[in-house]
Amino acid sequence: MSILLLSVTDNLDPDLRESLRLEIAMRGNTVAYISSEPQEGDRPYYLSTIEDYSKISEGVKVDYFDLSENFSDENLLKLLNYGTIYLSGGNTYVFMDSANKRNISQILNKHLESGGLLIGASAGSIMMTPTIDLAGFEDENIPNLKDTSGFGFVDFEFHPHYSNDRDYLSEYINGENNDLYVCKDGSGIFYSNGEIKLFGEVSKF
């Protein structure tokens, strides 16, 4: 199981960027981008991510997917043809609601079990954890999710875009049993078969 949790995909810590390059390249340099919400027109967030990945790994191919009805179950199964699957940023609750409705966790599990790399940035990284409750400090629960469980691919919580003035975390962590890692932009965590490697400005809160 190989998972990378990020805040962003640009201006990465050099060691993180090199590790990410190697992990993507060894899996065929193909990335399936899953958007948190359908993007219309020129798909600006997707295009921005393509540019970020081109700076990480030369020759990488990044293809667009979302969880709308425009992508059938058969279309989504094609995700398993990619060496790397990337979950984008956005509203965590909206993304989680769509992911649950499309049973995307089953595909992601198969991907991980077959040796694929799974990357999450911002909302996509929070969804990897046991609960997305931490997103409530930044995101509105637009779909009114009652079950705020995450995928649980890692056994800790993750706070992207961390800045030192997040005083609410002390109160939050007192009510949780999970470890919490805070991550500044440009930094990240590589989780592989239970082992954790930190890159850049990441620390346990």
N, C-alpha and C. Protein backbone atom coordinates (compact mmCIF):
# COMPACT_ATOMS: atom_id res chain seq x y z
N MET A 1 0.85 -1.19 0.00
CA MET A 1 0.00 0.00 0.00
C MET A 1 0.87 1.23 0.00
N SER A 2 0.78 2.04 -1.04
CA SER A 2 1.61 3.23 -1.18
C SER A 2 0.72 4.46 -1.34
N ILE A 3 0.82 5.38 -0.38
CA ILE A 3 -0.06 6.55 -0.35
C ILE A 3 0.77 7.80 -0.06
N LEU A 4 0.48 8.86 -0.79
CA LEU A 4 1.10 10.15 -0.53
C LEU A 4 0.03 11.17 -0.16
N LEU A 5 0.21 11.83 0.95
CA LEU A 5 -0.70 12.86 1.42
C LEU A 5 -0.01 14.21 1.29
N LEU A 6 -0.65 15.12 0.56
CA LEU A 6 -0.08 16.43 0.28
C LEU A 6 -1.06 17.53 0.64
N SER A 7 -0.53 18.75 0.76
CA SER A 7 -1.39 19.93 0.82
C SER A 7 -1.66 20.45 -0.59
N VAL A 8 -0.58 20.51 -1.38
CA VAL A 8 -0.65 21.03 -2.75
C VAL A 8 0.30 20.21 -3.62
N THR A 9 0.24 20.43 -4.93
CA THR A 9 1.15 19.72 -5.84
C THR A 9 2.20 20.64 -6.45
N ASP A 10 2.21 21.92 -6.08
CA ASP A 10 3.22 22.83 -6.62
C ASP A 10 4.20 23.25 -5.54
N ASN A 11 5.37 23.72 -5.97
CA ASN A 11 6.42 24.19 -5.06
C ASN A 11 6.73 23.17 -3.96
N LEU A 12 6.93 21.94 -4.37
CA LEU A 12 7.15 20.86 -3.42
C LEU A 12 8.58 20.87 -2.86
N ASP A 13 8.71 20.39 -1.65
CA ASP A 13 10.02 20.13 -1.07
C ASP A 13 10.83 19.28 -2.06
N PRO A 14 12.10 19.60 -2.31
CA PRO A 14 12.87 18.87 -3.33
C PRO A 14 12.94 17.36 -3.11
N ASP A 15 13.10 16.93 -1.87
CA ASP A 15 13.15 15.49 -1.60
C ASP A 15 11.79 14.83 -1.86
N LEU A 16 10.73 15.54 -1.52
CA LEU A 16 9.38 15.04 -1.79
C LEU A 16 9.14 14.94 -3.29
N ARG A 17 9.52 15.96 -4.02
CA ARG A 17 9.33 15.96 -5.47
C ARG A 17 10.08 14.80 -6.12
N GLU A 18 11.31 14.54 -5.68
CA GLU A 18 12.08 13.45 -6.25
C GLU A 18 11.48 12.09 -5.90
N SER A 19 11.04 11.92 -4.67
CA SER A 19 10.39 10.68 -4.28
C SER A 19 9.12 10.45 -5.09
N LEU A 20 8.36 11.51 -5.27
CA LEU A 20 7.12 11.43 -6.04
C LEU A 20 7.42 11.09 -7.50
N ARG A 21 8.46 11.70 -8.05
CA ARG A 21 8.86 11.41 -9.43
C ARG A 21 9.18 9.93 -9.61
N LEU A 22 9.95 9.38 -8.69
CA LEU A 22 10.34 7.97 -8.78
C LEU A 22 9.14 7.05 -8.65
N GLU A 23 8.25 7.36 -7.70
CA GLU A 23 7.09 6.51 -7.48
C GLU A 23 6.16 6.51 -8.70
N ILE A 24 5.97 7.68 -9.31
CA ILE A 24 5.11 7.77 -10.49
C ILE A 24 5.75 7.08 -11.69
N ALA A 25 7.05 7.33 -11.88
CA ALA A 25 7.75 6.76 -13.03
C ALA A 25 7.79 5.24 -12.98
N MET A 26 8.00 4.67 -11.81
CA MET A 26 8.09 3.22 -11.71
C MET A 26 6.76 2.53 -11.96
N ARG A 27 5.69 3.32 -12.00
CA ARG A 27 4.36 2.76 -12.27
C ARG A 27 3.84 3.18 -13.65
N GLY A 28 4.75 3.57 -14.52
CA GLY A 28 4.37 3.83 -15.90
C GLY A 28 4.10 5.27 -16.27
N ASN A 29 4.30 6.21 -15.32
CA ASN A 29 4.12 7.64 -15.60
C ASN A 29 2.70 7.99 -16.06
N THR A 30 1.71 7.26 -15.56
CA THR A 30 0.32 7.57 -15.89
C THR A 30 -0.43 7.92 -14.61
N VAL A 31 -1.18 9.02 -14.66
CA VAL A 31 -1.93 9.51 -13.49
C VAL A 31 -3.39 9.72 -13.87
N ALA A 32 -4.29 9.16 -13.08
CA ALA A 32 -5.72 9.43 -13.23
C ALA A 32 -6.10 10.50 -12.23
N TYR A 33 -6.50 11.64 -12.72
CA TYR A 33 -6.90 12.77 -11.90
C TYR A 33 -8.40 12.67 -11.64
N ILE A 34 -8.80 12.56 -10.37
CA ILE A 34 -10.22 12.54 -10.01
C ILE A 34 -10.58 13.88 -9.39
N SER A 35 -11.44 14.61 -10.07
CA SER A 35 -11.84 15.93 -9.61
C SER A 35 -12.86 15.82 -8.49
N SER A 36 -12.77 16.72 -7.53
CA SER A 36 -13.72 16.71 -6.40
C SER A 36 -15.13 17.05 -6.85
N GLU A 37 -15.24 17.86 -7.90
CA GLU A 37 -16.51 18.22 -8.52
C GLU A 37 -16.29 18.31 -10.02
N PRO A 38 -17.34 18.12 -10.82
CA PRO A 38 -17.17 18.24 -12.27
C PRO A 38 -16.65 19.62 -12.66
N GLN A 39 -15.69 19.66 -13.55
CA GLN A 39 -15.14 20.91 -14.05
C GLN A 39 -15.63 21.14 -15.48
N GLU A 40 -16.09 22.34 -15.73
CA GLU A 40 -16.63 22.68 -17.05
C GLU A 40 -15.60 23.46 -17.86
N GLY A 41 -15.89 23.62 -19.14
CA GLY A 41 -15.06 24.45 -20.00
C GLY A 41 -13.64 23.93 -20.11
N ASP A 42 -12.68 24.80 -19.83
CA ASP A 42 -11.26 24.45 -19.97
C ASP A 42 -10.72 23.65 -18.79
N ARG A 43 -11.56 23.40 -17.79
CA ARG A 43 -11.12 22.64 -16.60
C ARG A 43 -9.82 23.22 -16.02
N PRO A 44 -9.88 24.44 -15.49
CA PRO A 44 -8.66 25.14 -15.07
C PRO A 44 -7.88 24.43 -13.96
N TYR A 45 -8.57 23.82 -13.00
CA TYR A 45 -7.85 23.15 -11.91
C TYR A 45 -7.12 21.91 -12.44
N TYR A 46 -7.75 21.22 -13.36
CA TYR A 46 -7.12 20.06 -13.99
C TYR A 46 -5.89 20.49 -14.77
N LEU A 47 -6.01 21.55 -15.57
CA LEU A 47 -4.88 22.03 -16.36
C LEU A 47 -3.74 22.48 -15.47
N SER A 48 -4.07 23.12 -14.36
CA SER A 48 -3.04 23.53 -13.41
C SER A 48 -2.30 22.33 -12.83
N THR A 49 -3.06 21.26 -12.55
CA THR A 49 -2.44 20.06 -12.00
C THR A 49 -1.56 19.36 -13.02
N ILE A 50 -1.99 19.37 -14.28
CA ILE A 50 -1.14 18.82 -15.35
C ILE A 50 0.22 19.53 -15.35
N GLU A 51 0.17 20.86 -15.24
CA GLU A 51 1.42 21.63 -15.22
C GLU A 51 2.28 21.25 -14.02
N ASP A 52 1.65 21.09 -12.86
CA ASP A 52 2.40 20.70 -11.66
C ASP A 52 3.06 19.34 -11.84
N TYR A 53 2.32 18.39 -12.38
CA TYR A 53 2.87 17.04 -12.56
C TYR A 53 3.96 17.02 -13.62
N SER A 54 3.87 17.89 -14.62
CA SER A 54 4.92 17.94 -15.64
C SER A 54 6.25 18.40 -15.04
N LYS A 55 6.18 19.17 -13.96
CA LYS A 55 7.39 19.61 -13.27
C LYS A 55 7.92 18.54 -12.31
N ILE A 56 7.06 17.59 -11.96
CA ILE A 56 7.46 16.51 -11.07
C ILE A 56 8.10 15.37 -11.85
N SER A 57 7.46 14.97 -12.96
CA SER A 57 7.91 13.79 -13.70
C SER A 57 7.81 14.06 -15.20
N GLU A 58 8.94 14.06 -15.88
CA GLU A 58 8.97 14.33 -17.31
C GLU A 58 8.19 13.27 -18.09
N GLY A 59 7.33 13.73 -18.99
CA GLY A 59 6.58 12.80 -19.83
C GLY A 59 5.37 12.18 -19.16
N VAL A 60 4.98 12.65 -17.97
CA VAL A 60 3.84 12.07 -17.27
C VAL A 60 2.55 12.38 -18.03
N LYS A 61 1.64 11.42 -18.04
CA LYS A 61 0.33 11.59 -18.67
C LYS A 61 -0.72 11.67 -17.58
N VAL A 62 -1.51 12.74 -17.58
CA VAL A 62 -2.54 12.96 -16.56
C VAL A 62 -3.90 13.04 -17.25
N ASP A 63 -4.79 12.10 -16.96
CA ASP A 63 -6.11 12.05 -17.57
C ASP A 63 -7.20 12.42 -16.56
N TYR A 64 -8.22 13.08 -17.05
CA TYR A 64 -9.29 13.62 -16.20
C TYR A 64 -10.42 12.62 -15.97
N PHE A 65 -10.87 12.54 -14.72
CA PHE A 65 -12.08 11.81 -14.33
C PHE A 65 -12.83 12.66 -13.30
N ASP A 66 -14.14 12.50 -13.23
CA ASP A 66 -14.88 13.00 -12.09
C ASP A 66 -15.95 11.97 -11.74
N LEU A 67 -16.74 12.25 -10.72
CA LEU A 67 -17.70 11.26 -10.21
C LEU A 67 -19.12 11.59 -10.60
N SER A 68 -19.29 12.38 -11.64
CA SER A 68 -20.62 12.72 -12.14
C SER A 68 -21.15 11.60 -13.03
N GLU A 69 -22.38 11.75 -13.47
CA GLU A 69 -22.99 10.75 -14.34
C GLU A 69 -22.35 10.71 -15.72
N ASN A 70 -21.52 11.70 -16.02
CA ASN A 70 -20.80 11.69 -17.30
C ASN A 70 -19.77 10.56 -17.36
N PHE A 71 -19.40 10.02 -16.19
CA PHE A 71 -18.48 8.90 -16.11
C PHE A 71 -19.24 7.69 -15.56
N SER A 72 -19.50 6.74 -16.42
CA SER A 72 -20.24 5.54 -16.03
C SER A 72 -19.38 4.67 -15.12
N ASP A 73 -20.00 3.65 -14.52
CA ASP A 73 -19.25 2.71 -13.71
C ASP A 73 -18.15 2.05 -14.54
N GLU A 74 -18.46 1.78 -15.80
CA GLU A 74 -17.47 1.19 -16.69
C GLU A 74 -16.30 2.15 -16.92
N ASN A 75 -16.62 3.43 -17.08
CA ASN A 75 -15.56 4.44 -17.22
C ASN A 75 -14.66 4.48 -15.99
N LEU A 76 -15.29 4.44 -14.82
CA LEU A 76 -14.51 4.55 -13.58
C LEU A 76 -13.63 3.33 -13.35
N LEU A 77 -14.04 2.18 -13.85
CA LEU A 77 -13.19 0.99 -13.73
C LEU A 77 -11.88 1.16 -14.49
N LYS A 78 -11.87 2.06 -15.46
CA LYS A 78 -10.64 2.32 -16.21
C LYS A 78 -9.57 2.95 -15.34
N LEU A 79 -9.97 3.45 -14.16
CA LEU A 79 -8.98 3.98 -13.21
C LEU A 79 -7.93 2.93 -12.88
N LEU A 80 -8.32 1.67 -12.91
CA LEU A 80 -7.40 0.59 -12.55
C LEU A 80 -6.31 0.37 -13.60
N ASN A 81 -6.43 1.05 -14.73
CA ASN A 81 -5.41 0.95 -15.76
C ASN A 81 -4.25 1.92 -15.53
N TYR A 82 -4.38 2.76 -14.52
CA TYR A 82 -3.37 3.78 -14.25
C TYR A 82 -2.48 3.37 -13.08
N GLY A 83 -1.20 3.72 -13.20
CA GLY A 83 -0.27 3.41 -12.12
C GLY A 83 -0.49 4.27 -10.89
N THR A 84 -0.97 5.49 -11.11
CA THR A 84 -1.20 6.44 -10.03
C THR A 84 -2.60 7.02 -10.14
N ILE A 85 -3.29 7.11 -9.02
CA ILE A 85 -4.58 7.79 -8.94
C ILE A 85 -4.42 8.98 -8.00
N TYR A 86 -4.91 10.12 -8.45
CA TYR A 86 -4.77 11.37 -7.68
C TYR A 86 -6.16 11.91 -7.33
N LEU A 87 -6.39 12.15 -6.04
CA LEU A 87 -7.62 12.76 -5.56
C LEU A 87 -7.35 14.24 -5.32
N SER A 88 -8.11 15.09 -5.99
CA SER A 88 -7.83 16.52 -5.99
C SER A 88 -8.34 17.21 -4.73
N GLY A 89 -8.09 18.52 -4.68
CA GLY A 89 -8.63 19.35 -3.61
C GLY A 89 -10.04 19.80 -3.93
N GLY A 90 -10.63 20.54 -3.00
CA GLY A 90 -12.01 21.02 -3.16
C GLY A 90 -12.74 20.95 -1.84
N ASN A 91 -14.06 20.92 -1.88
CA ASN A 91 -14.85 20.76 -0.67
C ASN A 91 -14.85 19.30 -0.27
N THR A 92 -14.31 19.01 0.90
CA THR A 92 -14.12 17.62 1.34
C THR A 92 -15.45 16.88 1.46
N TYR A 93 -16.47 17.56 1.98
CA TYR A 93 -17.77 16.90 2.17
C TYR A 93 -18.43 16.56 0.83
N VAL A 94 -18.36 17.48 -0.11
CA VAL A 94 -18.94 17.24 -1.44
C VAL A 94 -18.21 16.09 -2.12
N PHE A 95 -16.88 16.07 -2.03
CA PHE A 95 -16.08 15.02 -2.65
C PHE A 95 -16.39 13.67 -2.00
N MET A 96 -16.46 13.63 -0.68
CA MET A 96 -16.73 12.38 0.03
C MET A 96 -18.12 11.85 -0.29
N ASP A 97 -19.08 12.76 -0.38
CA ASP A 97 -20.45 12.35 -0.70
C ASP A 97 -20.50 11.71 -2.09
N SER A 98 -19.86 12.33 -3.06
CA SER A 98 -19.83 11.77 -4.41
C SER A 98 -19.09 10.44 -4.44
N ALA A 99 -17.98 10.37 -3.70
CA ALA A 99 -17.20 9.13 -3.67
C ALA A 99 -17.99 7.97 -3.07
N ASN A 100 -18.76 8.26 -2.03
CA ASN A 100 -19.58 7.23 -1.41
C ASN A 100 -20.69 6.76 -2.36
N LYS A 101 -21.31 7.69 -3.05
CA LYS A 101 -22.40 7.34 -3.96
C LYS A 101 -21.92 6.48 -5.12
N ARG A 102 -20.65 6.68 -5.53
CA ARG A 102 -20.11 5.92 -6.65
C ARG A 102 -19.27 4.73 -6.19
N ASN A 103 -19.24 4.46 -4.88
CA ASN A 103 -18.47 3.33 -4.33
C ASN A 103 -17.03 3.34 -4.82
N ILE A 104 -16.45 4.53 -4.85
CA ILE A 104 -15.10 4.65 -5.39
C ILE A 104 -14.06 3.97 -4.49
N SER A 105 -14.39 3.79 -3.21
CA SER A 105 -13.42 3.16 -2.30
C SER A 105 -13.06 1.75 -2.75
N GLN A 106 -13.99 1.04 -3.36
CA GLN A 106 -13.70 -0.32 -3.84
C GLN A 106 -12.64 -0.29 -4.92
N ILE A 107 -12.74 0.67 -5.82
CA ILE A 107 -11.75 0.80 -6.89
C ILE A 107 -10.40 1.20 -6.31
N LEU A 108 -10.41 2.14 -5.37
CA LEU A 108 -9.16 2.58 -4.78
C LEU A 108 -8.48 1.46 -4.01
N ASN A 109 -9.27 0.63 -3.32
CA ASN A 109 -8.70 -0.52 -2.62
C ASN A 109 -8.03 -1.48 -3.58
N LYS A 110 -8.70 -1.77 -4.69
CA LYS A 110 -8.11 -2.67 -5.69
C LYS A 110 -6.83 -2.09 -6.26
N HIS A 111 -6.85 -0.79 -6.49
CA HIS A 111 -5.67 -0.10 -7.00
C HIS A 111 -4.49 -0.25 -6.04
N LEU A 112 -4.73 -0.03 -4.77
CA LEU A 112 -3.67 -0.15 -3.77
C LEU A 112 -3.19 -1.59 -3.64
N GLU A 113 -4.12 -2.52 -3.65
CA GLU A 113 -3.77 -3.93 -3.50
C GLU A 113 -2.93 -4.45 -4.67
N SER A 114 -3.09 -3.82 -5.83
CA SER A 114 -2.32 -4.24 -7.00
C SER A 114 -1.00 -3.48 -7.13
N GLY A 115 -0.66 -2.69 -6.12
CA GLY A 115 0.62 -1.99 -6.12
C GLY A 115 0.58 -0.59 -6.67
N GLY A 116 -0.61 -0.05 -6.92
CA GLY A 116 -0.74 1.31 -7.43
C GLY A 116 -0.42 2.35 -6.37
N LEU A 117 -0.11 3.53 -6.83
CA LEU A 117 0.15 4.67 -5.95
C LEU A 117 -1.11 5.53 -5.86
N LEU A 118 -1.47 5.94 -4.65
CA LEU A 118 -2.63 6.80 -4.43
C LEU A 118 -2.14 8.10 -3.81
N ILE A 119 -2.48 9.21 -4.44
CA ILE A 119 -2.07 10.54 -3.98
C ILE A 119 -3.31 11.36 -3.66
N GLY A 120 -3.29 12.04 -2.55
CA GLY A 120 -4.35 12.97 -2.21
C GLY A 120 -3.76 14.32 -1.89
N ALA A 121 -4.41 15.38 -2.34
CA ALA A 121 -3.98 16.73 -1.99
C ALA A 121 -5.15 17.47 -1.37
N SER A 122 -4.90 18.11 -0.24
CA SER A 122 -5.93 18.89 0.46
C SER A 122 -7.13 18.01 0.79
N ALA A 123 -8.30 18.28 0.20
CA ALA A 123 -9.48 17.45 0.49
C ALA A 123 -9.21 15.98 0.20
N GLY A 124 -8.53 15.71 -0.90
CA GLY A 124 -8.23 14.33 -1.27
C GLY A 124 -7.38 13.62 -0.24
N SER A 125 -6.51 14.36 0.46
CA SER A 125 -5.68 13.75 1.49
C SER A 125 -6.49 13.49 2.76
N ILE A 126 -7.37 14.41 3.12
CA ILE A 126 -8.20 14.22 4.32
C ILE A 126 -9.08 12.98 4.17
N MET A 127 -9.56 12.74 2.95
CA MET A 127 -10.43 11.59 2.71
C MET A 127 -9.73 10.25 2.92
N MET A 128 -8.41 10.22 2.89
CA MET A 128 -7.65 8.97 3.10
C MET A 128 -7.69 8.50 4.56
N THR A 129 -8.06 9.40 5.45
CA THR A 129 -7.93 9.16 6.88
C THR A 129 -9.20 8.54 7.47
N PRO A 130 -9.21 8.20 8.77
CA PRO A 130 -10.39 7.56 9.36
C PRO A 130 -11.63 8.44 9.38
N THR A 131 -11.47 9.78 9.44
CA THR A 131 -12.62 10.67 9.51
C THR A 131 -12.30 11.98 8.80
N ILE A 132 -13.33 12.59 8.21
CA ILE A 132 -13.12 13.89 7.56
C ILE A 132 -13.59 15.03 8.46
N ASP A 133 -13.81 14.77 9.74
CA ASP A 133 -14.32 15.80 10.65
C ASP A 133 -13.44 17.05 10.67
N LEU A 134 -12.14 16.86 10.50
CA LEU A 134 -11.22 17.99 10.54
C LEU A 134 -11.53 19.01 9.44
N ALA A 135 -12.14 18.56 8.36
CA ALA A 135 -12.48 19.47 7.26
C ALA A 135 -13.52 20.50 7.69
N GLY A 136 -14.25 20.22 8.75
CA GLY A 136 -15.31 21.11 9.19
C GLY A 136 -14.83 22.48 9.61
N PHE A 137 -13.53 22.62 9.88
CA PHE A 137 -13.00 23.93 10.25
C PHE A 137 -12.80 24.83 9.02
N GLU A 138 -12.80 24.24 7.83
CA GLU A 138 -12.56 25.00 6.61
C GLU A 138 -13.71 24.89 5.61
N ASP A 139 -14.33 23.72 5.53
CA ASP A 139 -15.34 23.46 4.50
C ASP A 139 -16.75 23.42 5.07
N GLU A 140 -17.70 23.85 4.26
CA GLU A 140 -19.11 23.74 4.64
C GLU A 140 -19.62 22.36 4.26
N ASN A 141 -20.39 21.75 5.17
CA ASN A 141 -20.96 20.42 4.90
C ASN A 141 -22.20 20.59 4.02
N ILE A 142 -21.95 20.90 2.76
CA ILE A 142 -23.03 21.22 1.82
C ILE A 142 -24.02 20.06 1.64
N PRO A 143 -23.54 18.83 1.49
CA PRO A 143 -24.50 17.72 1.32
C PRO A 143 -25.11 17.23 2.63
N ASN A 144 -24.74 17.87 3.75
CA ASN A 144 -25.25 17.50 5.07
C ASN A 144 -24.96 16.03 5.38
N LEU A 145 -23.72 15.64 5.21
CA LEU A 145 -23.30 14.28 5.52
C LEU A 145 -23.47 14.00 7.01
N LYS A 146 -24.09 12.87 7.33
CA LYS A 146 -24.21 12.43 8.72
C LYS A 146 -23.04 11.51 9.09
N ASP A 147 -22.67 10.65 8.15
CA ASP A 147 -21.53 9.76 8.35
C ASP A 147 -20.30 10.45 7.78
N THR A 148 -19.40 10.87 8.65
CA THR A 148 -18.21 11.60 8.21
C THR A 148 -16.96 10.72 8.23
N SER A 149 -17.16 9.43 8.06
CA SER A 149 -16.02 8.53 7.97
C SER A 149 -15.25 8.78 6.69
N GLY A 150 -13.92 8.66 6.78
CA GLY A 150 -13.08 8.70 5.59
C GLY A 150 -12.83 7.29 5.09
N PHE A 151 -11.95 7.16 4.11
CA PHE A 151 -11.64 5.84 3.57
C PHE A 151 -10.89 4.97 4.58
N GLY A 152 -10.14 5.59 5.49
CA GLY A 152 -9.39 4.83 6.48
C GLY A 152 -8.21 4.08 5.90
N PHE A 153 -7.61 4.59 4.82
CA PHE A 153 -6.44 3.95 4.24
C PHE A 153 -5.21 4.15 5.11
N VAL A 154 -5.21 5.21 5.91
CA VAL A 154 -4.16 5.44 6.91
C VAL A 154 -4.84 5.52 8.27
N ASP A 155 -4.07 5.31 9.33
CA ASP A 155 -4.65 5.25 10.68
C ASP A 155 -4.41 6.52 11.48
N PHE A 156 -4.18 7.62 10.79
CA PHE A 156 -3.97 8.91 11.46
C PHE A 156 -4.76 9.98 10.70
N GLU A 157 -4.88 11.15 11.31
CA GLU A 157 -5.54 12.27 10.64
C GLU A 157 -4.48 13.22 10.07
N PHE A 158 -4.92 14.02 9.10
CA PHE A 158 -3.98 14.85 8.34
C PHE A 158 -4.57 16.23 8.16
N HIS A 159 -3.80 17.26 8.52
CA HIS A 159 -4.24 18.64 8.37
C HIS A 159 -3.39 19.32 7.30
N PRO A 160 -3.94 19.51 6.09
CA PRO A 160 -3.19 20.23 5.04
C PRO A 160 -3.24 21.73 5.27
N HIS A 161 -2.38 22.44 4.57
CA HIS A 161 -2.33 23.92 4.61
C HIS A 161 -2.16 24.44 6.03
N TYR A 162 -1.36 23.76 6.82
CA TYR A 162 -1.24 24.14 8.22
C TYR A 162 -0.48 25.45 8.39
N SER A 163 -0.99 26.28 9.29
CA SER A 163 -0.26 27.46 9.75
C SER A 163 -0.26 27.44 11.27
N ASN A 164 0.68 28.11 11.87
CA ASN A 164 0.90 27.98 13.32
C ASN A 164 -0.20 28.56 14.18
N ASP A 165 -1.15 29.27 13.59
CA ASP A 165 -2.18 29.93 14.40
C ASP A 165 -3.46 29.09 14.52
N ARG A 166 -3.36 27.80 14.24
CA ARG A 166 -4.55 26.95 14.29
C ARG A 166 -4.80 26.46 15.73
N ASP A 167 -5.25 27.38 16.60
CA ASP A 167 -5.42 27.06 18.01
C ASP A 167 -6.53 26.03 18.24
N TYR A 168 -7.49 25.93 17.33
CA TYR A 168 -8.60 25.01 17.50
C TYR A 168 -8.17 23.56 17.50
N LEU A 169 -6.98 23.27 17.00
CA LEU A 169 -6.55 21.88 16.90
C LEU A 169 -6.34 21.24 18.26
N SER A 170 -5.91 22.04 19.23
CA SER A 170 -5.68 21.49 20.57
C SER A 170 -6.98 20.93 21.15
N GLU A 171 -8.05 21.67 20.99
CA GLU A 171 -9.35 21.21 21.48
C GLU A 171 -9.83 20.02 20.65
N TYR A 172 -9.62 20.07 19.36
CA TYR A 172 -10.07 18.99 18.49
C TYR A 172 -9.38 17.67 18.83
N ILE A 173 -8.08 17.70 18.98
CA ILE A 173 -7.33 16.46 19.17
C ILE A 173 -7.64 15.82 20.51
N ASN A 174 -8.08 16.61 21.49
CA ASN A 174 -8.43 16.04 22.80
C ASN A 174 -9.64 15.14 22.72
N GLY A 175 -10.46 15.31 21.71
CA GLY A 175 -11.65 14.49 21.55
C GLY A 175 -11.47 13.34 20.59
N GLU A 176 -10.25 13.15 20.08
CA GLU A 176 -9.99 12.12 19.09
C GLU A 176 -8.97 11.12 19.61
N ASN A 177 -9.05 9.90 19.09
CA ASN A 177 -8.09 8.86 19.46
C ASN A 177 -6.99 8.68 18.43
N ASN A 178 -7.09 9.37 17.31
CA ASN A 178 -6.12 9.21 16.24
C ASN A 178 -4.97 10.20 16.38
N ASP A 179 -3.78 9.79 15.93
CA ASP A 179 -2.68 10.74 15.80
C ASP A 179 -3.05 11.75 14.72
N LEU A 180 -2.50 12.95 14.85
CA LEU A 180 -2.77 14.01 13.89
C LEU A 180 -1.45 14.60 13.40
N TYR A 181 -1.28 14.60 12.08
CA TYR A 181 -0.11 15.23 11.47
C TYR A 181 -0.54 16.52 10.79
N VAL A 182 0.24 17.58 11.00
CA VAL A 182 -0.04 18.86 10.37
C VAL A 182 1.01 19.09 9.29
N CYS A 183 0.55 19.62 8.14
CA CYS A 183 1.40 19.70 6.95
C CYS A 183 1.30 21.08 6.31
N LYS A 184 2.42 21.73 6.16
CA LYS A 184 2.44 23.01 5.47
C LYS A 184 2.48 22.78 3.96
N ASP A 185 2.10 23.81 3.20
CA ASP A 185 2.12 23.70 1.75
C ASP A 185 3.52 23.38 1.26
N GLY A 186 3.61 22.47 0.28
CA GLY A 186 4.89 22.05 -0.26
C GLY A 186 5.46 20.83 0.41
N SER A 187 4.82 20.39 1.49
CA SER A 187 5.30 19.25 2.27
C SER A 187 4.35 18.06 2.09
N GLY A 188 4.69 16.92 2.72
CA GLY A 188 3.81 15.76 2.58
C GLY A 188 4.27 14.56 3.38
N ILE A 189 3.44 13.53 3.34
CA ILE A 189 3.70 12.27 4.04
C ILE A 189 3.60 11.13 3.03
N PHE A 190 4.61 10.25 3.06
CA PHE A 190 4.56 9.02 2.28
C PHE A 190 4.28 7.88 3.25
N TYR A 191 3.17 7.18 3.01
CA TYR A 191 2.74 6.07 3.86
C TYR A 191 2.83 4.79 3.04
N SER A 192 3.65 3.85 3.50
CA SER A 192 3.84 2.61 2.77
C SER A 192 3.86 1.43 3.73
N ASN A 193 2.84 0.58 3.63
CA ASN A 193 2.76 -0.65 4.44
C ASN A 193 2.98 -0.38 5.92
N GLY A 194 2.33 0.66 6.41
CA GLY A 194 2.38 0.96 7.84
C GLY A 194 3.52 1.86 8.25
N GLU A 195 4.46 2.12 7.36
CA GLU A 195 5.58 3.00 7.68
C GLU A 195 5.31 4.41 7.17
N ILE A 196 5.73 5.40 7.97
CA ILE A 196 5.47 6.81 7.65
C ILE A 196 6.79 7.53 7.42
N LYS A 197 6.89 8.26 6.30
CA LYS A 197 8.05 9.09 6.02
C LYS A 197 7.57 10.51 5.80
N LEU A 198 8.16 11.45 6.52
CA LEU A 198 7.76 12.85 6.46
C LEU A 198 8.70 13.63 5.55
N PHE A 199 8.13 14.53 4.75
CA PHE A 199 8.91 15.39 3.87
C PHE A 199 8.56 16.84 4.16
N GLY A 200 9.59 17.67 4.32
CA GLY A 200 9.36 19.09 4.51
C GLY A 200 8.82 19.40 5.90
N GLU A 201 7.93 20.37 5.96
CA GLU A 201 7.40 20.86 7.24
C GLU A 201 6.13 20.11 7.61
N VAL A 202 6.33 18.91 8.13
CA VAL A 202 5.25 18.06 8.64
C VAL A 202 5.63 17.61 10.04
N SER A 203 4.67 17.63 10.93
CA SER A 203 4.95 17.17 12.29
C SER A 203 3.69 16.60 12.94
N LYS A 204 3.91 15.79 13.94
CA LYS A 204 2.77 15.27 14.71
C LYS A 204 2.33 16.35 15.68
N PHE A 205 1.03 16.65 15.69
CA PHE A 205 0.53 17.73 16.53
C PHE A 205 0.41 17.27 17.97
